[in-house]
Amino acid sequence: MANVVLKVSEKTREKMMKYYEDKKRDKVIPYVIFQAQDLDTVITMYESGKVMFQGVSADVDADMWREIDGQSKIDKEKIKEMDKKYYYCSSIGSDEVGTGDYFGPIVVSSAFVSKDDIEFVEKLGIKDSKKLDDNKILDIAPKLIKKIKYKSLIMNNSEYNEKYSNSYNINKIKAIMHNKVLWRMVNEESLEYDYIIVDEFAREKKYYEYLYGNPNIQKNITFLTKAEDKNLAVACASVISRYIFLKEFEKLEENLHIPLPKGAGKDVDSIGREIVEKYGKDKLKEIAKINFKNTERILDIFIY
């Protein structure tokens, strides 16, 4: 469990407040501007300007904001050169979606982008799926998957809840899923690639610790922060994962006959209560990530 403290500029603090807006806790703490939880990391911003990151991925989250704040230890020119190296190459990348959504599955995909594919991918306007709206993803993803090789894995929430209750934290779940899609891509396809790249959600050592006991472990991975901005294979994996997530989300809505909100905000709570009233509280174990705080708020009104 890591614990990292940063002091960042006022401009970066404003960015952080906006970024964590939907993940803030309701707690009121003396001398604290806000406290938020992003997956397994708790972020606390103090009036002094210091920000504390606590949790399994604290060092990764802190490094992201350290870089945004211009505190990176590596010379900016060197960073640019490194980014070019990972951009203009043939690579396999993986990324996931759904870990921050109360409803809907977790989807992890790996994608292969060769140097010859770069122009095609750029013309599609591929970026990190978080920066593309869902309509754009629904438009470009079918064109993308016809052109490039990819592998995907879907974990529904029933399986997620079973794993999580057996002491699997979210990063272990992600590591196992990333490993599976990367292993399949490397071993089921005949590809010539320069790098295998993963958007860093855990330090390399910890990532492989999560995989202990798995029979097939993909090695020689390059872990990058904000990899979807630096490598097109990761960006494509992000788009494909989001596309599959959206399609699975549609199926869930059709089965429930209720429109579902994405994310884990307050609008999720009201729909969650509607689902419990209609189908019973056990339905949440099937369609929602019950370890989220939303579950407590949803079920609270049903306790007599």
Protein backbone atom coordinates (compact mmCIF):
# COMPACT_ATOMS: atom_id res chain seq x y z
CA MET A 1 0.00 0.00 0.00
CA ALA A 2 1.73 3.16 -1.24
CA ASN A 3 1.45 6.65 0.23
CA VAL A 4 2.62 9.60 -1.93
CA VAL A 5 2.36 13.33 -1.23
CA LEU A 6 2.72 16.00 -3.93
CA LYS A 7 2.61 19.77 -3.83
CA VAL A 8 1.13 21.04 -7.10
CA SER A 9 0.33 24.40 -8.66
CA GLU A 10 -3.04 26.11 -8.39
CA LYS A 11 -3.68 25.38 -12.08
CA THR A 12 -3.09 21.66 -11.53
CA ARG A 13 -5.28 21.68 -8.41
CA GLU A 14 -8.13 23.10 -10.52
CA LYS A 15 -7.62 20.31 -13.07
CA MET A 16 -7.66 17.73 -10.28
CA MET A 17 -10.88 19.09 -8.79
CA LYS A 18 -12.55 18.83 -12.19
CA TYR A 19 -11.10 15.37 -12.91
CA TYR A 20 -12.25 13.89 -9.58
CA GLU A 21 -15.61 15.72 -9.44
CA ASP A 22 -17.69 12.55 -9.87
CA LYS A 23 -15.49 10.53 -7.52
CA LYS A 24 -15.56 12.82 -4.47
CA ARG A 25 -16.53 11.45 -1.08
CA ASP A 26 -19.18 13.17 1.01
CA LYS A 27 -16.85 13.42 4.03
CA VAL A 28 -16.11 16.83 5.54
CA ILE A 29 -12.54 16.84 6.91
CA PRO A 30 -10.82 19.81 8.57
CA TYR A 31 -8.27 21.57 6.31
CA VAL A 32 -9.22 19.32 3.38
CA ILE A 33 -10.64 20.76 0.13
CA PHE A 34 -11.87 17.37 -1.04
CA GLN A 35 -11.30 13.65 -0.76
CA ALA A 36 -12.03 11.30 -3.65
CA GLN A 37 -11.63 7.63 -4.48
CA ASP A 38 -10.52 6.51 -7.93
CA LEU A 39 -10.59 2.71 -8.01
CA ASP A 40 -8.11 1.61 -5.31
CA THR A 41 -6.56 5.05 -4.74
CA VAL A 42 -7.82 7.63 -2.22
CA ILE A 43 -6.91 11.21 -3.15
CA THR A 44 -6.93 13.93 -0.46
CA MET A 45 -6.34 17.58 -1.37
CA TYR A 46 -5.36 19.87 1.52
CA GLU A 47 -5.76 23.62 1.81
CA SER A 48 -1.95 23.86 1.97
CA GLY A 49 -1.77 22.82 -1.69
CA LYS A 50 -0.51 19.33 -0.91
CA VAL A 51 -2.24 16.29 -2.35
CA MET A 52 -1.94 12.84 -0.82
CA PHE A 53 -2.42 9.61 -2.78
CA GLN A 54 -3.04 6.43 -0.79
CA GLY A 55 -3.60 2.94 -2.13
CA VAL A 56 -2.40 0.18 -4.39
CA SER A 57 -1.93 2.49 -7.41
CA ALA A 58 -1.00 5.65 -5.50
CA ASP A 59 2.42 5.95 -7.11
CA VAL A 60 0.99 5.59 -10.63
CA ASP A 61 -1.72 8.20 -10.01
CA ALA A 62 0.77 10.57 -8.39
CA ASP A 63 3.19 10.19 -11.32
CA MET A 64 0.41 11.16 -13.73
CA TRP A 65 -0.23 14.43 -11.86
CA ARG A 66 3.49 15.03 -11.33
CA GLU A 67 3.91 14.93 -15.10
CA ILE A 68 0.88 17.19 -15.71
CA ASP A 69 2.29 19.66 -13.17
CA GLY A 70 5.63 19.71 -14.99
CA GLN A 71 7.53 17.94 -12.24
CA SER A 72 8.69 15.03 -14.38
CA LYS A 73 12.25 14.05 -13.57
CA ILE A 74 12.99 13.32 -17.24
CA ASP A 75 13.94 16.15 -19.57
CA LYS A 76 10.98 17.20 -21.72
CA GLU A 77 12.94 16.75 -24.96
CA LYS A 78 13.80 13.20 -23.95
CA ILE A 79 10.13 12.56 -23.21
CA LYS A 80 9.21 13.77 -26.70
CA GLU A 81 11.80 11.45 -28.25
CA MET A 82 10.55 8.52 -26.18
CA ASP A 83 6.95 9.29 -27.16
CA LYS A 84 7.90 9.30 -30.86
CA LYS A 85 9.58 5.92 -30.42
CA TYR A 86 6.39 4.38 -29.05
CA TYR A 87 4.16 6.14 -31.59
CA TYR A 88 5.94 5.41 -34.89
CA CYS A 89 6.30 1.69 -34.44
CA SER A 90 4.56 -1.66 -34.88
CA SER A 91 3.07 -2.52 -31.52
CA ILE A 92 0.58 -4.50 -29.48
CA GLY A 93 -1.29 -2.48 -26.87
CA SER A 94 -4.01 -3.17 -24.34
CA ASP A 95 -6.51 -1.05 -22.45
CA GLU A 96 -9.69 -1.52 -20.43
CA VAL A 97 -13.02 0.20 -19.82
CA GLY A 98 -15.86 -0.28 -17.35
CA THR A 99 -13.89 -0.29 -14.10
CA GLY A 100 -15.44 3.02 -13.05
CA ASP A 101 -18.99 2.14 -14.11
CA TYR A 102 -21.44 0.77 -11.56
CA PHE A 103 -23.47 -0.89 -14.31
CA GLY A 104 -22.00 -2.72 -17.28
CA PRO A 105 -19.09 -5.13 -17.63
CA ILE A 106 -15.33 -4.69 -17.59
CA VAL A 107 -13.88 -5.06 -21.08
CA VAL A 108 -10.17 -5.45 -21.83
CA SER A 109 -8.85 -5.54 -25.39
CA SER A 110 -5.47 -5.90 -27.03
CA ALA A 111 -4.87 -4.48 -30.51
CA PHE A 112 -2.08 -4.74 -33.04
CA VAL A 113 -1.14 -1.67 -35.08
CA SER A 114 1.68 -2.02 -37.59
CA LYS A 115 3.63 0.91 -39.01
CA ASP A 116 1.61 0.45 -42.20
CA ASP A 117 -1.63 0.92 -40.23
CA ILE A 118 -0.67 4.25 -38.64
CA GLU A 119 -2.01 6.45 -41.46
CA PHE A 120 -5.33 4.56 -41.55
CA VAL A 121 -5.73 4.81 -37.77
CA GLU A 122 -4.91 8.52 -37.77
CA LYS A 123 -7.47 9.21 -40.51
CA LEU A 124 -10.15 7.53 -38.40
CA GLY A 125 -9.35 10.07 -35.68
CA ILE A 126 -8.45 7.38 -33.14
CA LYS A 127 -7.64 8.72 -29.71
CA ASP A 128 -8.18 7.50 -26.19
CA SER A 129 -11.81 6.40 -25.99
CA LYS A 130 -12.29 8.74 -23.01
CA LYS A 131 -11.75 11.68 -25.38
CA LEU A 132 -14.21 10.46 -27.99
CA ASP A 133 -17.95 10.60 -27.47
CA ASP A 134 -19.89 7.36 -27.69
CA ASN A 135 -21.48 8.20 -31.04
CA LYS A 136 -18.04 8.67 -32.58
CA ILE A 137 -16.86 5.35 -31.17
CA LEU A 138 -19.95 3.56 -32.49
CA ASP A 139 -19.13 5.02 -35.91
CA ILE A 140 -15.39 4.33 -36.17
CA ALA A 141 -14.93 1.10 -34.20
CA PRO A 142 -16.59 -1.18 -36.82
CA LYS A 143 -14.22 0.25 -39.46
CA LEU A 144 -11.28 -0.28 -37.15
CA ILE A 145 -11.99 -3.90 -36.25
CA LYS A 146 -12.30 -4.82 -39.94
CA LYS A 147 -8.75 -3.56 -40.51
CA ILE A 148 -6.65 -4.52 -37.48
CA LYS A 149 -6.23 -7.63 -35.34
CA TYR A 150 -7.60 -7.52 -31.81
CA LYS A 151 -8.56 -9.75 -28.88
CA SER A 152 -11.14 -8.87 -26.23
CA LEU A 153 -12.27 -10.23 -22.90
CA ILE A 154 -15.53 -9.37 -21.14
CA MET A 155 -16.10 -9.82 -17.40
CA ASN A 156 -19.73 -9.42 -16.40
CA ASN A 157 -20.60 -8.04 -12.99
CA SER A 158 -21.72 -11.37 -11.59
CA GLU A 159 -18.20 -12.71 -12.16
CA TYR A 160 -16.66 -9.44 -10.98
CA ASN A 161 -18.54 -9.59 -7.67
CA GLU A 162 -17.43 -13.18 -7.14
CA LYS A 163 -13.79 -12.31 -7.80
CA TYR A 164 -13.86 -9.14 -5.69
CA SER A 165 -15.41 -10.94 -2.72
CA ASN A 166 -12.55 -13.46 -2.85
CA SER A 167 -9.95 -10.77 -2.11
CA TYR A 168 -9.21 -9.81 -5.71
CA ASN A 169 -8.69 -6.06 -5.83
CA ILE A 170 -9.48 -4.19 -9.04
CA ASN A 171 -5.85 -4.04 -10.16
CA LYS A 172 -5.44 -7.80 -9.83
CA ILE A 173 -8.58 -8.31 -11.91
CA LYS A 174 -7.24 -5.90 -14.53
CA ALA A 175 -3.78 -7.49 -14.58
CA ILE A 176 -5.22 -10.97 -15.16
CA MET A 177 -7.47 -9.72 -17.97
CA HIS A 178 -4.70 -7.71 -19.65
CA ASN A 179 -2.37 -10.69 -19.46
CA LYS A 180 -4.95 -12.98 -21.11
CA VAL A 181 -5.63 -10.72 -24.10
CA LEU A 182 -1.93 -9.96 -24.61
CA TRP A 183 -0.96 -13.63 -24.35
CA ARG A 184 -3.62 -14.54 -26.90
CA MET A 185 -2.50 -11.81 -29.30
CA VAL A 186 1.16 -12.83 -29.16
CA ASN A 187 0.62 -16.58 -29.24
CA GLU A 188 -2.42 -16.95 -31.52
CA GLU A 189 -1.24 -14.53 -34.22
CA SER A 190 1.99 -14.35 -36.22
CA LEU A 191 2.96 -10.73 -35.71
CA GLU A 192 6.12 -8.71 -36.10
CA TYR A 193 6.09 -6.01 -33.45
CA ASP A 194 8.52 -3.68 -31.72
CA TYR A 195 6.75 -3.27 -28.38
CA ILE A 196 3.98 -4.61 -26.18
CA ILE A 197 2.54 -1.62 -24.33
CA VAL A 198 0.15 -1.38 -21.39
CA ASP A 199 -1.35 1.77 -19.91
CA GLU A 200 0.30 1.65 -16.49
CA PHE A 201 -2.17 1.06 -13.66
CA ALA A 202 0.36 -0.67 -11.40
CA ARG A 203 4.14 -0.77 -11.16
CA GLU A 204 5.74 -3.52 -13.26
CA LYS A 205 6.80 -5.58 -10.24
CA LYS A 206 3.32 -5.39 -8.71
CA TYR A 207 1.68 -6.21 -12.04
CA TYR A 208 3.56 -9.51 -12.25
CA GLU A 209 2.88 -10.24 -8.58
CA TYR A 210 -0.83 -10.09 -9.41
CA LEU A 211 -0.25 -12.79 -12.04
CA TYR A 212 1.49 -15.21 -9.69
CA GLY A 213 0.16 -18.73 -10.25
CA ASN A 214 -1.17 -18.07 -13.76
CA PRO A 215 0.11 -20.67 -16.25
CA ASN A 216 0.64 -18.33 -19.21
CA ILE A 217 2.29 -15.00 -18.44
CA GLN A 218 3.15 -12.49 -21.15
CA LYS A 219 6.54 -10.89 -20.54
CA ASN A 220 8.51 -8.05 -22.16
CA ILE A 221 5.82 -5.44 -21.58
CA THR A 222 6.50 -1.69 -21.62
CA PHE A 223 4.38 0.14 -19.06
CA LEU A 224 3.58 3.78 -19.87
CA THR A 225 1.50 6.38 -18.06
CA LYS A 226 -1.17 7.89 -20.34
CA ALA A 227 -0.18 5.26 -22.92
CA GLU A 228 -3.33 5.85 -24.99
CA ASP A 229 -1.92 9.30 -25.89
CA LYS A 230 1.52 7.91 -26.78
CA ASN A 231 0.81 4.68 -28.61
CA LEU A 232 -1.82 3.97 -31.28
CA ALA A 233 -2.20 0.28 -30.41
CA VAL A 234 -3.27 1.22 -26.87
CA ALA A 235 -5.56 3.93 -28.26
CA CYS A 236 -7.18 1.39 -30.61
CA ALA A 237 -7.56 -1.11 -27.76
CA SER A 238 -9.26 1.63 -25.76
CA VAL A 239 -11.71 2.39 -28.58
CA ILE A 240 -12.50 -1.28 -29.22
CA SER A 241 -13.04 -1.93 -25.50
CA ARG A 242 -15.40 1.04 -25.28
CA TYR A 243 -17.32 -0.12 -28.37
CA ILE A 244 -17.85 -3.59 -26.90
CA PHE A 245 -18.79 -2.06 -23.54
CA LEU A 246 -21.44 0.12 -25.22
CA LYS A 247 -22.93 -2.86 -27.06
CA GLU A 248 -23.07 -4.91 -23.84
CA PHE A 249 -24.58 -1.92 -22.03
CA GLU A 250 -27.34 -1.72 -24.66
CA LYS A 251 -28.15 -5.41 -24.13
CA LEU A 252 -28.38 -4.84 -20.37
CA GLU A 253 -30.77 -1.91 -20.85
CA GLU A 254 -32.94 -3.98 -23.19
CA ASN A 255 -33.12 -6.85 -20.70
CA LEU A 256 -34.04 -4.54 -17.81
CA HIS A 257 -36.33 -2.28 -19.87
CA ILE A 258 -34.73 0.62 -17.99
CA PRO A 259 -32.29 3.23 -19.39
CA LEU A 260 -29.07 3.07 -17.38
CA PRO A 261 -26.63 5.89 -16.59
CA LYS A 262 -22.92 5.29 -17.00
CA GLY A 263 -20.33 6.05 -14.34
CA ALA A 264 -21.07 6.00 -10.63
CA GLY A 265 -22.71 9.36 -9.91
CA LYS A 266 -25.89 10.20 -8.01
CA ASP A 267 -28.08 9.49 -11.05
CA VAL A 268 -26.92 5.87 -10.75
CA ASP A 269 -28.40 5.68 -7.23
CA SER A 270 -31.92 6.63 -8.32
CA ILE A 271 -31.91 4.09 -11.17
CA GLY A 272 -30.47 1.49 -8.80
CA ARG A 273 -33.42 2.00 -6.44
CA GLU A 274 -35.82 1.62 -9.37
CA ILE A 275 -34.17 -1.69 -10.29
CA VAL A 276 -34.39 -2.98 -6.70
CA GLU A 277 -38.06 -2.05 -6.52
CA LYS A 278 -38.77 -3.84 -9.81
CA TYR A 279 -36.48 -6.90 -9.58
CA GLY A 280 -35.32 -7.17 -5.95
CA LYS A 281 -31.95 -6.35 -4.38
CA ASP A 282 -30.30 -9.60 -5.52
CA LYS A 283 -30.50 -8.29 -9.09
CA LEU A 284 -27.71 -5.85 -8.24
CA LYS A 285 -25.28 -8.77 -7.75
CA GLU A 286 -25.88 -9.71 -11.37
CA ILE A 287 -25.75 -6.31 -13.08
CA ALA A 288 -23.77 -3.96 -10.80
CA LYS A 289 -20.40 -3.76 -9.04
CA ILE A 290 -21.68 -4.13 -5.51
CA ASN A 291 -18.45 -3.01 -3.80
CA PHE A 292 -19.11 0.55 -5.06
CA LYS A 293 -20.48 3.03 -2.52
CA ASN A 294 -23.59 3.34 -4.67
CA THR A 295 -24.84 0.01 -3.30
CA GLU A 296 -25.00 1.35 0.28
CA ARG A 297 -26.91 4.41 -0.85
CA ILE A 298 -29.28 2.39 -3.04
CA LEU A 299 -30.13 -0.18 -0.37
CA ASP A 300 -30.29 2.29 2.49
CA ILE A 301 -33.93 3.21 1.86
CA PHE A 302 -34.92 -0.47 1.81
CA ILE A 303 -33.67 -1.11 5.37
CA TYR A 304 -36.50 -0.93 7.88
